[in-house]
């Protein structure tokens, strides 16, 4: 019988892991106060938007769906 390695390999870090770490840090710093958490998040987003030269993109207007009755 052939033996195989059962030791799990280290998982590669992803951008989701980065976001999770930052979100957890903000939560600790805000003491669970969601308002402070949101304010801190918005500050960071604004700084990065300016630094990267990004613009806010407005979603397209909501289109009313037709029901097929011609009305």
Protein backbone atom coordinates (compact mmCIF):
# COMPACT_ATOMS: atom_id res chain seq x y z
CA UNK A 1 0.00 0.00 0.00
CA UNK A 2 1.31 3.45 -0.92
CA UNK A 3 1.52 6.00 1.88
CA UNK A 4 0.37 9.54 1.19
CA UNK A 5 1.14 12.68 3.09
CA UNK A 6 -1.71 13.75 5.30
CA UNK A 7 -0.12 16.96 6.53
CA UNK A 8 -2.24 19.86 5.28
CA UNK A 9 -0.42 22.45 3.22
CA UNK A 10 -0.44 26.08 4.28
CA UNK A 11 -3.31 27.99 2.72
CA UNK A 12 -2.33 30.89 0.50
CA UNK A 13 -3.38 34.33 1.73
CA UNK A 14 -6.07 36.05 -0.33
CA UNK A 15 -7.42 39.59 -0.57
CA UNK A 16 -10.47 38.38 1.38
CA UNK A 17 -8.13 37.49 4.26
CA UNK A 18 -6.66 41.00 4.10
CA UNK A 19 -10.10 42.60 4.26
CA UNK A 20 -11.14 40.33 7.13
CA UNK A 21 -8.03 41.27 9.12
CA UNK A 22 -8.64 44.99 8.60
CA UNK A 23 -12.34 44.67 9.46
CA UNK A 24 -11.46 42.83 12.68
CA UNK A 25 -8.89 45.52 13.54
CA UNK A 26 -11.48 48.28 12.99
CA UNK A 27 -13.93 46.37 15.17
CA UNK A 28 -11.40 46.12 18.02
CA UNK A 29 -10.49 49.81 17.72
CA UNK A 30 -14.12 50.93 17.67
CA UNK A 31 -15.01 48.81 20.69
CA UNK A 32 -17.97 47.29 18.86
CA UNK A 33 -19.50 50.73 18.12
CA UNK A 34 -20.79 50.33 14.56
CA UNK A 35 -20.95 54.10 13.98
CA UNK A 36 -17.22 54.48 14.79
CA UNK A 37 -16.46 51.43 12.67
CA UNK A 38 -18.27 52.92 9.66
CA UNK A 39 -16.62 56.34 10.15
CA UNK A 40 -13.17 54.75 10.23
CA UNK A 41 -13.95 52.62 7.18
CA UNK A 42 -15.18 55.66 5.26
CA UNK A 43 -12.01 57.62 6.15
CA UNK A 44 -9.80 54.82 4.87
CA UNK A 45 -11.86 54.42 1.69
CA UNK A 46 -11.69 58.17 1.00
CA UNK A 47 -7.91 58.22 1.49
CA UNK A 48 -7.42 55.26 -0.84
CA UNK A 49 -9.81 56.70 -3.43
CA UNK A 50 -7.78 59.94 -3.48
CA UNK A 51 -4.45 58.11 -3.51
CA UNK A 52 -5.47 55.81 -6.37
CA UNK A 53 -7.36 58.49 -8.31
CA UNK A 54 -10.64 56.60 -8.29
CA UNK A 55 -14.08 58.12 -8.80
CA UNK A 56 -17.41 57.14 -7.31
CA UNK A 57 -19.53 55.46 -9.95
CA UNK A 58 -23.27 55.92 -9.61
CA UNK A 59 -25.37 52.85 -10.40
CA UNK A 60 -27.61 53.12 -13.45
CA UNK A 61 -31.19 54.22 -12.80
CA UNK A 62 -33.61 51.47 -11.92
CA UNK A 63 -35.63 50.38 -14.93
CA UNK A 64 -39.23 49.45 -14.44
CA UNK A 65 -39.83 45.92 -15.61
CA UNK A 66 -42.68 45.37 -18.02
CA UNK A 67 -45.20 42.71 -17.10
CA UNK A 68 -45.94 41.77 -20.70
CA UNK A 69 -49.44 43.21 -20.73
CA UNK A 70 -48.47 46.31 -22.71
CA UNK A 71 -49.43 48.59 -19.83
